[in-house]
Amino acid sequence: MKNINVTSANGTTHSMTGEELENLLSCVTSVEDVSFSGCRFFYHIGDNFIIELTIADGLLNNRYSLMNLWKKHGFIKERFESYLGIQTYYYDGEKCSGKYNVTNDNGKVNFNYLFENTEENIKYIIAKCIQLMKKGEAIQ
């Protein structure tokens, strides 16, 4: 199996073996479309972990869009027509937290994991969140 290589908006390159990617994605027990337009999905991993994937419009024609502001202030090198947003919900008994979200860096956007909306990037970012959960590497 070939390696998966993805690049974020700030130019950071990530890679994962195809075997590891498929292994991690096999943990997904179901995918639920929770939007009317196919832009928001819940990936269920077992009974206690949900990854919410949102496909956001880059709104590149609007000078105040996040993509344009992030580029203007030097957070990213490349703007995307549409990009991926992640929220995670980890249930530990009675408590729910946003652990295991690679796009979160202590409450701020982790631009190392801001990806364009492509099938390969979706698979990678879902697998990366699952990998953090399996390793117990919580990001708050």
C-alpha atoms as a PDB file:
ATOM      1  CA  MET A   1       0.000   0.000   0.000  1.00  0.00           C
ATOM      2  CA  LYS A   2       1.236   3.478  -0.810  1.00  0.00           C
ATOM      3  CA  ASN A   3       1.930   6.206   1.702  1.00  0.00           C
ATOM      4  CA  ILE A   4      -0.595   8.997   2.098  1.00  0.00           C
ATOM      5  CA  ASN A   5       0.960  12.474   1.939  1.00  0.00           C
ATOM      6  CA  VAL A   6      -1.086  15.589   2.695  1.00  0.00           C
ATOM      7  CA  THR A   7      -0.170  19.264   2.984  1.00  0.00           C
ATOM      8  CA  SER A   8      -1.848  21.846   5.190  1.00  0.00           C
ATOM      9  CA  ALA A   9      -2.629  25.476   4.367  1.00  0.00           C
ATOM     10  CA  ASN A  10       0.548  26.618   6.130  1.00  0.00           C
ATOM     11  CA  GLY A  11       2.697  24.235   4.074  1.00  0.00           C
ATOM     12  CA  THR A  12       3.212  21.509   6.695  1.00  0.00           C
ATOM     13  CA  THR A  13       3.431  18.079   5.079  1.00  0.00           C
ATOM     14  CA  HIS A  14       2.135  14.975   6.864  1.00  0.00           C
ATOM     15  CA  SER A  15       2.386  11.343   5.914  1.00  0.00           C
ATOM     16  CA  MET A  16       0.960   8.022   7.008  1.00  0.00           C
ATOM     17  CA  THR A  17       1.267   4.562   5.561  1.00  0.00           C
ATOM     18  CA  GLY A  18      -1.743   3.340   3.644  1.00  0.00           C
ATOM     19  CA  GLU A  19      -1.909   0.315   5.936  1.00  0.00           C
ATOM     20  CA  GLU A  20      -1.976   2.480   9.069  1.00  0.00           C
ATOM     21  CA  LEU A  21      -4.628   4.738   7.524  1.00  0.00           C
ATOM     22  CA  GLU A  22      -6.884   1.792   6.661  1.00  0.00           C
ATOM     23  CA  ASN A  23      -6.334   0.274  10.113  1.00  0.00           C
ATOM     24  CA  LEU A  24      -7.393   3.484  11.845  1.00  0.00           C
ATOM     25  CA  LEU A  25     -10.362   4.093   9.541  1.00  0.00           C
ATOM     26  CA  SER A  26     -11.599   0.550  10.237  1.00  0.00           C
ATOM     27  CA  CYS A  27     -12.424   1.821  13.761  1.00  0.00           C
ATOM     28  CA  VAL A  28     -15.230   3.980  12.309  1.00  0.00           C
ATOM     29  CA  THR A  29     -18.467   2.193  13.200  1.00  0.00           C
ATOM     30  CA  SER A  30     -20.778   4.531  11.274  1.00  0.00           C
ATOM     31  CA  VAL A  31     -20.910   7.842   9.416  1.00  0.00           C
ATOM     32  CA  GLU A  32     -23.957  10.068   9.772  1.00  0.00           C
ATOM     33  CA  ASP A  33     -24.765  13.017   7.473  1.00  0.00           C
ATOM     34  CA  VAL A  34     -26.230  15.603   9.855  1.00  0.00           C
ATOM     35  CA  SER A  35     -26.730  18.372   7.300  1.00  0.00           C
ATOM     36  CA  PHE A  36     -29.125  19.079   4.497  1.00  0.00           C
ATOM     37  CA  SER A  37     -26.346  19.909   2.062  1.00  0.00           C
ATOM     38  CA  GLY A  38     -23.710  17.206   2.667  1.00  0.00           C
ATOM     39  CA  CYS A  39     -21.346  19.496   4.537  1.00  0.00           C
ATOM     40  CA  ARG A  40     -21.462  18.094   8.098  1.00  0.00           C
ATOM     41  CA  PHE A  41     -20.863  14.499   9.176  1.00  0.00           C
ATOM     42  CA  PHE A  42     -20.515  12.569  12.417  1.00  0.00           C
ATOM     43  CA  TYR A  43     -17.959   9.756  12.370  1.00  0.00           C
ATOM     44  CA  HIS A  44     -18.776   7.368  15.211  1.00  0.00           C
ATOM     45  CA  ILE A  45     -15.904   5.422  16.706  1.00  0.00           C
ATOM     46  CA  GLY A  46     -17.334   2.879  19.098  1.00  0.00           C
ATOM     47  CA  ASP A  47     -19.783   4.104  21.724  1.00  0.00           C
ATOM     48  CA  ASN A  48     -17.784   6.952  23.222  1.00  0.00           C
ATOM     49  CA  PHE A  49     -16.041   8.942  20.475  1.00  0.00           C
ATOM     50  CA  ILE A  50     -17.527  11.104  17.717  1.00  0.00           C
ATOM     51  CA  ILE A  51     -15.596  13.168  15.190  1.00  0.00           C
ATOM     52  CA  GLU A  52     -17.658  15.950  13.626  1.00  0.00           C
ATOM     53  CA  LEU A  53     -16.371  16.911  10.192  1.00  0.00           C
ATOM     54  CA  THR A  54     -17.560  20.176   8.670  1.00  0.00           C
ATOM     55  CA  ILE A  55     -16.782  21.192   5.116  1.00  0.00           C
ATOM     56  CA  ALA A  56     -16.509  24.977   5.205  1.00  0.00           C
ATOM     57  CA  ASP A  57     -16.673  27.364   2.254  1.00  0.00           C
ATOM     58  CA  GLY A  58     -13.507  29.461   1.970  1.00  0.00           C
ATOM     59  CA  LEU A  59     -15.514  32.477   0.719  1.00  0.00           C
ATOM     60  CA  LEU A  60     -12.450  33.718  -1.139  1.00  0.00           C
ATOM     61  CA  ASN A  61     -14.405  36.610  -2.721  1.00  0.00           C
ATOM     62  CA  ASN A  62     -15.061  38.081   0.746  1.00  0.00           C
ATOM     63  CA  ARG A  63     -12.031  39.975   2.010  1.00  0.00           C
ATOM     64  CA  TYR A  64     -13.149  39.330   5.616  1.00  0.00           C
ATOM     65  CA  SER A  65     -13.446  35.546   5.256  1.00  0.00           C
ATOM     66  CA  LEU A  66     -11.332  33.429   7.581  1.00  0.00           C
ATOM     67  CA  MET A  67      -9.223  32.114   4.697  1.00  0.00           C
ATOM     68  CA  ASN A  68      -8.408  35.665   3.566  1.00  0.00           C
ATOM     69  CA  LEU A  69      -7.748  36.945   7.098  1.00  0.00           C
ATOM     70  CA  TRP A  70      -5.547  33.960   7.963  1.00  0.00           C
ATOM     71  CA  LYS A  71      -3.536  34.549   4.770  1.00  0.00           C
ATOM     72  CA  LYS A  72      -3.308  38.313   5.354  1.00  0.00           C
ATOM     73  CA  HIS A  73      -1.926  37.801   8.872  1.00  0.00           C
ATOM     74  CA  GLY A  74       0.572  35.142   7.775  1.00  0.00           C
ATOM     75  CA  PHE A  75      -0.993  32.083   9.430  1.00  0.00           C
ATOM     76  CA  ILE A  76      -1.329  30.221   6.133  1.00  0.00           C
ATOM     77  CA  LYS A  77       0.463  30.177   2.785  1.00  0.00           C
ATOM     78  CA  GLU A  78      -2.399  28.855   0.676  1.00  0.00           C
ATOM     79  CA  ARG A  79      -6.123  29.639   0.609  1.00  0.00           C
ATOM     80  CA  PHE A  80      -8.688  26.944  -0.175  1.00  0.00           C
ATOM     81  CA  GLU A  81     -12.094  27.159  -1.881  1.00  0.00           C
ATOM     82  CA  SER A  82     -13.325  24.810   0.857  1.00  0.00           C
ATOM     83  CA  TYR A  83     -11.597  23.419   3.910  1.00  0.00           C
ATOM     84  CA  LEU A  84     -12.146  20.928   6.713  1.00  0.00           C
ATOM     85  CA  GLY A  85     -13.199  21.752  10.252  1.00  0.00           C
ATOM     86  CA  ILE A  86     -13.156  19.225  13.084  1.00  0.00           C
ATOM     87  CA  GLN A  87     -14.838  18.995  16.477  1.00  0.00           C
ATOM     88  CA  THR A  88     -14.480  15.925  18.666  1.00  0.00           C
ATOM     89  CA  TYR A  89     -16.695  14.538  21.397  1.00  0.00           C
ATOM     90  CA  TYR A  90     -15.174  11.994  23.751  1.00  0.00           C
ATOM     91  CA  TYR A  91     -17.532  10.546  26.350  1.00  0.00           C
ATOM     92  CA  ASP A  92     -15.891   9.352  29.558  1.00  0.00           C
ATOM     93  CA  GLY A  93     -18.693   8.167  31.816  1.00  0.00           C
ATOM     94  CA  GLU A  94     -20.900  11.203  32.430  1.00  0.00           C
ATOM     95  CA  LYS A  95     -18.429  13.762  31.009  1.00  0.00           C
ATOM     96  CA  CYS A  96     -17.958  14.830  27.416  1.00  0.00           C
ATOM     97  CA  SER A  97     -14.849  16.663  26.210  1.00  0.00           C
ATOM     98  CA  GLY A  98     -13.237  17.811  22.980  1.00  0.00           C
ATOM     99  CA  LYS A  99     -10.159  15.634  23.426  1.00  0.00           C
ATOM    100  CA  TYR A 100      -8.255  14.165  20.493  1.00  0.00           C
ATOM    101  CA  ASN A 101      -8.852  17.020  18.060  1.00  0.00           C
ATOM    102  CA  VAL A 102      -5.737  17.628  15.948  1.00  0.00           C
ATOM    103  CA  THR A 103      -7.102  20.961  14.699  1.00  0.00           C
ATOM    104  CA  ASN A 104      -7.183  22.392  18.235  1.00  0.00           C
ATOM    105  CA  ASP A 105      -4.044  23.861  19.796  1.00  0.00           C
ATOM    106  CA  ASN A 106      -5.021  24.940  23.320  1.00  0.00           C
ATOM    107  CA  GLY A 107      -8.217  26.574  22.085  1.00  0.00           C
ATOM    108  CA  LYS A 108      -6.655  28.049  18.936  1.00  0.00           C
ATOM    109  CA  VAL A 109      -6.611  26.803  15.347  1.00  0.00           C
ATOM    110  CA  ASN A 110      -3.734  24.407  14.694  1.00  0.00           C
ATOM    111  CA  PHE A 111      -2.834  25.521  11.168  1.00  0.00           C
ATOM    112  CA  ASN A 112      -0.618  22.437  10.763  1.00  0.00           C
ATOM    113  CA  TYR A 113      -3.897  20.522  10.333  1.00  0.00           C
ATOM    114  CA  LEU A 114      -5.936  22.990   8.269  1.00  0.00           C
ATOM    115  CA  PHE A 115      -6.621  21.002   5.101  1.00  0.00           C
ATOM    116  CA  GLU A 116      -8.365  21.546   1.812  1.00  0.00           C
ATOM    117  CA  ASN A 117     -11.562  19.578   1.264  1.00  0.00           C
ATOM    118  CA  THR A 118     -10.375  16.477  -0.574  1.00  0.00           C
ATOM    119  CA  GLU A 119     -11.224  12.812  -0.023  1.00  0.00           C
ATOM    120  CA  GLU A 120      -7.621  11.992   0.876  1.00  0.00           C
ATOM    121  CA  ASN A 121      -7.442  14.855   3.406  1.00  0.00           C
ATOM    122  CA  ILE A 122     -10.741  13.781   4.986  1.00  0.00           C
ATOM    123  CA  LYS A 123      -9.454  10.252   5.469  1.00  0.00           C
ATOM    124  CA  TYR A 124      -6.170  11.519   6.886  1.00  0.00           C
ATOM    125  CA  ILE A 125      -7.657  13.945   9.414  1.00  0.00           C
ATOM    126  CA  ILE A 126     -10.228  11.410  10.657  1.00  0.00           C
ATOM    127  CA  ALA A 127      -7.490   8.786  11.002  1.00  0.00           C
ATOM    128  CA  LYS A 128      -5.230  11.250  12.828  1.00  0.00           C
ATOM    129  CA  CYS A 129      -7.926  12.015  15.441  1.00  0.00           C
ATOM    130  CA  ILE A 130      -8.529   8.279  15.931  1.00  0.00           C
ATOM    131  CA  GLN A 131      -4.782   7.747  16.294  1.00  0.00           C
ATOM    132  CA  LEU A 132      -4.614  10.358  19.084  1.00  0.00           C
ATOM    133  CA  MET A 133      -7.549   8.711  20.857  1.00  0.00           C
ATOM    134  CA  LYS A 134      -5.993   5.252  20.633  1.00  0.00           C
ATOM    135  CA  LYS A 135      -2.703   6.578  22.019  1.00  0.00           C
ATOM    136  CA  GLY A 136      -4.495   8.587  24.721  1.00  0.00           C
ATOM    137  CA  GLU A 137      -2.840  11.816  23.568  1.00  0.00           C
ATOM    138  CA  ALA A 138      -5.485  14.329  24.569  1.00  0.00           C
ATOM    139  CA  ILE A 139      -5.385  17.840  23.129  1.00  0.00           C
ATOM    140  CA  GLN A 140      -7.544  20.326  24.969  1.00  0.00           C
END
